[in-house]
Amino acid sequence: LLWAQVHLMANRCDEERARVVMECTMEMRGYWSSTWKSRLFVLDSRGRIAYYKSREDKDAGVVAGEIAISRECRVSFKETAEGRGYVDIHVPGNGKSSERAYHLSSCAAICRTWALALEMER
């Protein structure tokens, strides 16, 4: 009986494991810092973006931060004449904290793809 319970729990964990939807390096300007920093972003199938300072940090499981994408989030895309793209993500407050804004930047094609993917995940 114990083996069956452990096996069932292991199967549930596999089913709940999120798959990677998108992954790429972009620049980010966030809530606390006004300077642009390069980060590796990973969007998973649960609508969560994890970001890492480097690929080595990702491989080691060292997450720099997370952004939970929900229906209440606002996502916008802007493109400059020079071909630079920007994705703005506004996450509403939860009563304990105020709204947070994340600004991502890369070439316009990458940012457009991310903005579309985030809209679909909401």
N, C-alpha and C. Protein backbone atom coordinates (compact mmCIF):
# COMPACT_ATOMS: atom_id res chain seq x y z
N LEU A 1 0.83 -1.20 0.00
CA LEU A 1 0.00 0.00 0.00
C LEU A 1 0.87 1.26 0.00
N LEU A 2 1.91 1.30 0.79
CA LEU A 2 2.77 2.47 0.84
C LEU A 2 3.41 2.72 -0.52
N TRP A 3 3.87 1.64 -1.19
CA TRP A 3 4.49 1.79 -2.51
C TRP A 3 3.50 2.41 -3.49
N ALA A 4 2.25 1.99 -3.45
CA ALA A 4 1.23 2.50 -4.36
C ALA A 4 0.98 4.00 -4.12
N GLN A 5 0.97 4.41 -2.86
CA GLN A 5 0.77 5.82 -2.55
C GLN A 5 1.94 6.66 -3.05
N VAL A 6 3.15 6.20 -2.84
CA VAL A 6 4.34 6.92 -3.30
C VAL A 6 4.34 6.99 -4.82
N HIS A 7 4.00 5.90 -5.49
CA HIS A 7 3.97 5.87 -6.95
C HIS A 7 2.91 6.84 -7.48
N LEU A 8 1.74 6.88 -6.86
CA LEU A 8 0.67 7.78 -7.27
C LEU A 8 1.10 9.24 -7.08
N MET A 9 1.75 9.53 -5.96
CA MET A 9 2.22 10.89 -5.71
C MET A 9 3.28 11.29 -6.72
N ALA A 10 4.17 10.39 -7.08
CA ALA A 10 5.21 10.69 -8.08
C ALA A 10 4.57 10.98 -9.43
N ASN A 11 3.53 10.23 -9.81
CA ASN A 11 2.84 10.48 -11.07
C ASN A 11 2.16 11.85 -11.07
N ARG A 12 1.56 12.23 -9.96
CA ARG A 12 0.92 13.54 -9.86
C ARG A 12 1.94 14.65 -9.99
N CYS A 13 3.11 14.49 -9.38
CA CYS A 13 4.16 15.50 -9.48
C CYS A 13 4.60 15.66 -10.93
N ASP A 14 4.71 14.56 -11.68
CA ASP A 14 5.10 14.64 -13.09
C ASP A 14 4.04 15.38 -13.89
N GLU A 15 2.74 15.15 -13.59
CA GLU A 15 1.67 15.81 -14.30
C GLU A 15 1.64 17.31 -14.00
N GLU A 16 2.01 17.69 -12.78
CA GLU A 16 1.96 19.08 -12.37
C GLU A 16 3.21 19.85 -12.79
N ARG A 17 4.23 19.16 -13.23
CA ARG A 17 5.47 19.81 -13.63
C ARG A 17 5.21 20.69 -14.85
N ALA A 18 5.65 21.91 -14.77
CA ALA A 18 5.41 22.85 -15.87
C ALA A 18 6.41 22.61 -17.00
N ARG A 19 5.95 22.84 -18.20
CA ARG A 19 6.84 22.74 -19.35
C ARG A 19 7.25 24.15 -19.79
N VAL A 20 8.41 24.25 -20.40
CA VAL A 20 8.91 25.54 -20.87
C VAL A 20 8.18 25.91 -22.16
N VAL A 21 7.59 27.10 -22.17
CA VAL A 21 6.90 27.61 -23.35
C VAL A 21 7.86 28.44 -24.19
N MET A 22 8.62 29.31 -23.54
CA MET A 22 9.59 30.18 -24.22
C MET A 22 10.77 30.43 -23.30
N GLU A 23 11.91 30.68 -23.93
CA GLU A 23 13.12 30.98 -23.15
C GLU A 23 14.03 31.85 -24.01
N CYS A 24 14.49 32.97 -23.47
CA CYS A 24 15.47 33.80 -24.18
C CYS A 24 16.07 34.83 -23.24
N THR A 25 17.14 35.44 -23.69
CA THR A 25 17.80 36.50 -22.93
C THR A 25 17.31 37.84 -23.44
N MET A 26 16.88 38.68 -22.51
CA MET A 26 16.44 40.05 -22.81
C MET A 26 17.00 40.95 -21.72
N GLU A 27 16.84 42.24 -21.93
CA GLU A 27 17.20 43.19 -20.88
C GLU A 27 15.95 43.50 -20.07
N MET A 28 16.16 43.79 -18.79
CA MET A 28 15.02 44.07 -17.91
C MET A 28 15.33 45.29 -17.06
N ARG A 29 14.33 46.11 -16.90
CA ARG A 29 14.37 47.22 -15.94
C ARG A 29 13.16 46.99 -15.06
N GLY A 30 13.39 46.81 -13.80
CA GLY A 30 12.30 46.39 -12.93
C GLY A 30 11.87 47.41 -11.91
N TYR A 31 11.20 46.88 -10.93
CA TYR A 31 10.59 47.66 -9.87
C TYR A 31 11.62 48.43 -9.04
N TRP A 32 12.70 47.78 -8.68
CA TRP A 32 13.68 48.37 -7.78
C TRP A 32 14.80 49.12 -8.48
N SER A 33 15.07 48.80 -9.73
CA SER A 33 16.22 49.37 -10.41
C SER A 33 15.81 50.05 -11.70
N SER A 34 16.39 51.20 -11.98
CA SER A 34 16.07 51.90 -13.21
C SER A 34 17.12 51.63 -14.30
N THR A 35 18.11 50.79 -14.02
CA THR A 35 19.11 50.45 -15.02
C THR A 35 18.72 49.14 -15.72
N TRP A 36 19.09 49.03 -16.98
CA TRP A 36 18.78 47.83 -17.76
C TRP A 36 19.79 46.75 -17.44
N LYS A 37 19.31 45.52 -17.17
CA LYS A 37 20.17 44.39 -16.86
C LYS A 37 19.78 43.20 -17.72
N SER A 38 20.78 42.49 -18.21
CA SER A 38 20.54 41.30 -19.03
C SER A 38 20.10 40.14 -18.13
N ARG A 39 19.01 39.48 -18.52
CA ARG A 39 18.49 38.35 -17.76
C ARG A 39 18.00 37.27 -18.72
N LEU A 40 18.07 36.02 -18.28
CA LEU A 40 17.51 34.90 -19.01
C LEU A 40 16.09 34.68 -18.51
N PHE A 41 15.11 34.75 -19.40
CA PHE A 41 13.70 34.62 -19.04
C PHE A 41 13.16 33.28 -19.52
N VAL A 42 12.37 32.63 -18.65
CA VAL A 42 11.74 31.36 -18.98
C VAL A 42 10.26 31.46 -18.64
N LEU A 43 9.41 31.35 -19.66
CA LEU A 43 7.96 31.33 -19.47
C LEU A 43 7.53 29.88 -19.44
N ASP A 44 6.80 29.47 -18.39
CA ASP A 44 6.35 28.07 -18.32
C ASP A 44 4.86 27.97 -18.59
N SER A 45 4.40 26.75 -18.70
CA SER A 45 3.00 26.48 -19.06
C SER A 45 2.01 26.82 -17.96
N ARG A 46 2.49 27.19 -16.80
CA ARG A 46 1.59 27.62 -15.72
C ARG A 46 1.43 29.14 -15.69
N GLY A 47 1.99 29.83 -16.69
CA GLY A 47 1.87 31.28 -16.73
C GLY A 47 2.81 31.97 -15.77
N ARG A 48 3.98 31.42 -15.57
CA ARG A 48 4.96 31.99 -14.66
C ARG A 48 6.24 32.28 -15.43
N ILE A 49 6.80 33.46 -15.21
CA ILE A 49 8.09 33.79 -15.80
C ILE A 49 9.12 33.73 -14.67
N ALA A 50 10.12 32.89 -14.84
CA ALA A 50 11.26 32.90 -13.93
C ALA A 50 12.39 33.59 -14.68
N TYR A 51 13.15 34.41 -13.97
CA TYR A 51 14.29 35.02 -14.64
C TYR A 51 15.55 34.78 -13.81
N TYR A 52 16.65 34.67 -14.55
CA TYR A 52 17.94 34.28 -13.99
C TYR A 52 19.00 35.28 -14.44
N LYS A 53 20.03 35.44 -13.62
CA LYS A 53 21.13 36.34 -13.99
C LYS A 53 21.96 35.76 -15.12
N SER A 54 22.00 34.43 -15.25
CA SER A 54 22.80 33.78 -16.29
C SER A 54 22.27 32.37 -16.55
N ARG A 55 22.73 31.77 -17.63
CA ARG A 55 22.37 30.38 -17.94
C ARG A 55 22.93 29.46 -16.85
N GLU A 56 24.11 29.79 -16.34
CA GLU A 56 24.70 28.97 -15.27
C GLU A 56 23.80 28.98 -14.03
N ASP A 57 23.24 30.15 -13.71
CA ASP A 57 22.30 30.22 -12.57
C ASP A 57 21.06 29.37 -12.84
N LYS A 58 20.57 29.41 -14.08
CA LYS A 58 19.40 28.59 -14.41
C LYS A 58 19.72 27.12 -14.24
N ASP A 59 20.87 26.69 -14.76
CA ASP A 59 21.27 25.30 -14.66
C ASP A 59 21.43 24.87 -13.20
N ALA A 60 21.84 25.81 -12.34
CA ALA A 60 22.01 25.52 -10.92
C ALA A 60 20.72 25.72 -10.12
N GLY A 61 19.66 26.22 -10.78
CA GLY A 61 18.39 26.44 -10.10
C GLY A 61 18.34 27.69 -9.25
N VAL A 62 19.21 28.67 -9.53
CA VAL A 62 19.26 29.91 -8.77
C VAL A 62 18.41 30.97 -9.48
N VAL A 63 17.19 31.14 -9.01
CA VAL A 63 16.24 32.07 -9.63
C VAL A 63 16.46 33.47 -9.07
N ALA A 64 16.58 34.46 -9.96
CA ALA A 64 16.72 35.85 -9.52
C ALA A 64 15.36 36.44 -9.15
N GLY A 65 14.30 35.97 -9.82
CA GLY A 65 12.96 36.47 -9.53
C GLY A 65 11.91 35.75 -10.36
N GLU A 66 10.66 36.02 -10.04
CA GLU A 66 9.53 35.40 -10.74
C GLU A 66 8.45 36.44 -10.97
N ILE A 67 7.74 36.27 -12.07
CA ILE A 67 6.58 37.10 -12.39
C ILE A 67 5.42 36.16 -12.67
N ALA A 68 4.37 36.25 -11.88
CA ALA A 68 3.19 35.41 -12.10
C ALA A 68 2.24 36.15 -13.02
N ILE A 69 1.95 35.55 -14.18
CA ILE A 69 1.06 36.16 -15.15
C ILE A 69 -0.37 35.69 -14.87
N SER A 70 -1.26 36.65 -14.66
CA SER A 70 -2.66 36.33 -14.39
C SER A 70 -3.54 37.15 -15.32
N ARG A 71 -4.84 36.90 -15.27
CA ARG A 71 -5.78 37.66 -16.11
C ARG A 71 -5.79 39.13 -15.78
N GLU A 72 -5.43 39.46 -14.54
CA GLU A 72 -5.44 40.86 -14.11
C GLU A 72 -4.21 41.62 -14.58
N CYS A 73 -3.19 40.92 -15.04
CA CYS A 73 -1.97 41.58 -15.53
C CYS A 73 -2.26 42.34 -16.81
N ARG A 74 -1.55 43.44 -16.98
CA ARG A 74 -1.62 44.18 -18.24
C ARG A 74 -0.29 43.98 -18.96
N VAL A 75 -0.36 43.61 -20.22
CA VAL A 75 0.83 43.40 -21.03
C VAL A 75 0.73 44.31 -22.25
N SER A 76 1.80 45.06 -22.52
CA SER A 76 1.79 45.92 -23.70
C SER A 76 3.11 45.77 -24.45
N PHE A 77 3.06 46.06 -25.75
CA PHE A 77 4.23 45.96 -26.61
C PHE A 77 4.42 47.28 -27.34
N LYS A 78 5.67 47.73 -27.42
CA LYS A 78 6.01 48.95 -28.17
C LYS A 78 7.22 48.64 -29.04
N GLU A 79 7.27 49.30 -30.18
CA GLU A 79 8.40 49.13 -31.09
C GLU A 79 8.91 50.51 -31.50
N THR A 80 10.23 50.66 -31.51
CA THR A 80 10.82 51.92 -31.95
C THR A 80 11.11 51.86 -33.45
N ALA A 81 11.36 53.01 -34.05
CA ALA A 81 11.70 53.08 -35.47
C ALA A 81 13.02 52.36 -35.75
N GLU A 82 13.86 52.25 -34.73
CA GLU A 82 15.16 51.59 -34.89
C GLU A 82 15.06 50.07 -34.78
N GLY A 83 13.86 49.53 -34.53
CA GLY A 83 13.69 48.09 -34.45
C GLY A 83 13.83 47.51 -33.05
N ARG A 84 13.89 48.36 -32.06
CA ARG A 84 13.96 47.91 -30.67
C ARG A 84 12.54 47.65 -30.18
N GLY A 85 12.35 46.61 -29.40
CA GLY A 85 11.04 46.28 -28.86
C GLY A 85 11.02 46.37 -27.35
N TYR A 86 9.85 46.62 -26.82
CA TYR A 86 9.66 46.71 -25.36
C TYR A 86 8.36 45.99 -24.99
N VAL A 87 8.43 45.19 -23.94
CA VAL A 87 7.25 44.56 -23.37
C VAL A 87 7.12 45.07 -21.95
N ASP A 88 5.99 45.64 -21.63
CA ASP A 88 5.71 46.10 -20.26
C ASP A 88 4.70 45.16 -19.64
N ILE A 89 5.01 44.70 -18.43
CA ILE A 89 4.12 43.81 -17.69
C ILE A 89 3.77 44.51 -16.38
N HIS A 90 2.50 44.73 -16.16
CA HIS A 90 2.03 45.35 -14.92
C HIS A 90 1.25 44.30 -14.14
N VAL A 91 1.75 43.98 -12.96
CA VAL A 91 1.14 42.97 -12.09
C VAL A 91 0.41 43.71 -10.98
N PRO A 92 -0.90 43.48 -10.83
CA PRO A 92 -1.66 44.21 -9.80
C PRO A 92 -1.23 43.84 -8.39
N GLY A 93 -1.46 44.76 -7.48
CA GLY A 93 -1.18 44.49 -6.07
C GLY A 93 -2.15 43.46 -5.52
N ASN A 94 -1.77 42.89 -4.38
CA ASN A 94 -2.61 41.84 -3.79
C ASN A 94 -3.15 42.25 -2.42
N GLY A 95 -3.19 43.53 -2.14
CA GLY A 95 -3.64 43.99 -0.83
C GLY A 95 -2.48 44.20 0.11
N LYS A 96 -1.46 43.37 0.02
CA LYS A 96 -0.26 43.52 0.86
C LYS A 96 0.81 44.35 0.15
N SER A 97 0.76 44.35 -1.18
CA SER A 97 1.76 45.10 -1.95
C SER A 97 1.07 45.86 -3.07
N SER A 98 1.75 46.89 -3.55
CA SER A 98 1.17 47.69 -4.63
C SER A 98 1.53 47.07 -5.98
N GLU A 99 0.97 47.64 -7.04
CA GLU A 99 1.23 47.16 -8.39
C GLU A 99 2.73 47.19 -8.68
N ARG A 100 3.19 46.19 -9.43
CA ARG A 100 4.59 46.15 -9.84
C ARG A 100 4.66 46.18 -11.36
N ALA A 101 5.66 46.88 -11.88
CA ALA A 101 5.85 46.98 -13.32
C ALA A 101 7.21 46.40 -13.69
N TYR A 102 7.21 45.62 -14.75
CA TYR A 102 8.45 45.04 -15.29
C TYR A 102 8.55 45.48 -16.74
N HIS A 103 9.74 45.91 -17.13
CA HIS A 103 9.97 46.38 -18.48
C HIS A 103 11.05 45.52 -19.11
N LEU A 104 10.71 44.84 -20.22
CA LEU A 104 11.65 43.97 -20.91
C LEU A 104 11.97 44.58 -22.27
N SER A 105 13.19 44.35 -22.75
CA SER A 105 13.58 44.92 -24.03
C SER A 105 14.51 43.98 -24.78
N SER A 106 14.34 43.97 -26.09
CA SER A 106 15.19 43.19 -27.00
C SER A 106 14.86 43.69 -28.41
N CYS A 107 15.19 42.91 -29.42
CA CYS A 107 14.77 43.30 -30.77
C CYS A 107 13.24 43.20 -30.85
N ALA A 108 12.66 43.94 -31.77
CA ALA A 108 11.20 44.02 -31.85
C ALA A 108 10.54 42.66 -32.07
N ALA A 109 11.15 41.81 -32.90
CA ALA A 109 10.54 40.50 -33.20
C ALA A 109 10.43 39.63 -31.94
N ILE A 110 11.48 39.62 -31.13
CA ILE A 110 11.45 38.83 -29.89
C ILE A 110 10.41 39.39 -28.93
N CYS A 111 10.38 40.69 -28.75
CA CYS A 111 9.42 41.29 -27.82
C CYS A 111 7.99 41.08 -28.29
N ARG A 112 7.74 41.18 -29.59
CA ARG A 112 6.40 40.94 -30.12
C ARG A 112 5.95 39.51 -29.82
N THR A 113 6.86 38.56 -30.03
CA THR A 113 6.55 37.15 -29.76
C THR A 113 6.25 36.93 -28.29
N TRP A 114 7.03 37.54 -27.41
CA TRP A 114 6.78 37.41 -25.98
C TRP A 114 5.45 38.04 -25.58
N ALA A 115 5.16 39.20 -26.11
CA ALA A 115 3.90 39.87 -25.78
C ALA A 115 2.71 39.01 -26.19
N LEU A 116 2.78 38.42 -27.37
CA LEU A 116 1.70 37.53 -27.83
C LEU A 116 1.59 36.29 -26.94
N ALA A 117 2.72 35.70 -26.59
CA ALA A 117 2.70 34.50 -25.73
C ALA A 117 2.12 34.83 -24.36
N LEU A 118 2.48 35.98 -23.82
CA LEU A 118 1.97 36.37 -22.50
C LEU A 118 0.47 36.62 -22.55
N GLU A 119 0.00 37.20 -23.62
CA GLU A 119 -1.45 37.41 -23.78
C GLU A 119 -2.18 36.07 -23.80
N MET A 120 -1.58 35.07 -24.46
CA MET A 120 -2.21 33.75 -24.54
C MET A 120 -2.18 33.03 -23.19
N GLU A 121 -1.18 33.30 -22.36
CA GLU A 121 -1.07 32.63 -21.06
C GLU A 121 -2.02 33.23 -20.02
N ARG A 122 -2.50 34.44 -20.27
CA ARG A 122 -3.37 35.10 -19.28
C ARG A 122 -4.69 34.46 -19.22
